[in-house]
Amino acid sequence: MILIPRRKVNSSLLLPKPPVTPPTVYKILWIKEMPLKGQEGLTVAGLVESGLDNETLRLVLDWILFTVLEDYHKVRKRAIKAVWTYLYEDTNASLANWRAMAVWVDPKLPRKSLPSAARIGGDAIQKGAVEYDFTNPVNKEGPIKGG
């Protein structure tokens, strides 16, 4: 009997597989690199049209997380351990007025190495390695107008 070694799966990319094309029009506004207790992290801001439902926003967040992580892991050969992604409906909105956000943390990152802001809490929804939030307490009047 011949044993074929199993190919190692990169568990650092434990994200829902995004659709072949993005679910809606979006634009990445900026990506900022952040040091995290000796690990590498990113903050990403994206722009979406106003009035999208939470499921569509989640798909956009997944798409952005997947493409940014794939770029950093495969192309740039950088081991990103956490990504904070914020979606805005207006380029003039303050940073605190996000419409939706997600935090991805590498599931292989030891608990003691987790940054303090690695979990959203509150009304956030955990799905796999990603935590989503669609209820911004700063933006209590609903979706931001404009865009």
Foldseek 3Di string as FASTA:
>chain_A
DDDDDDDDDDLQLPAPDADPDQPADKAWPDKDWDQFQNAIEIETEMEGAPDDDPVSVVSNQRVVSNVVVCCCCPVVVGRHFKYKYFYAHAPPDPPLQTQKIKMFGRPPDDPVRDHPVRDPDDPWDDDTRMIMDRDRPVNNVHHDDDD
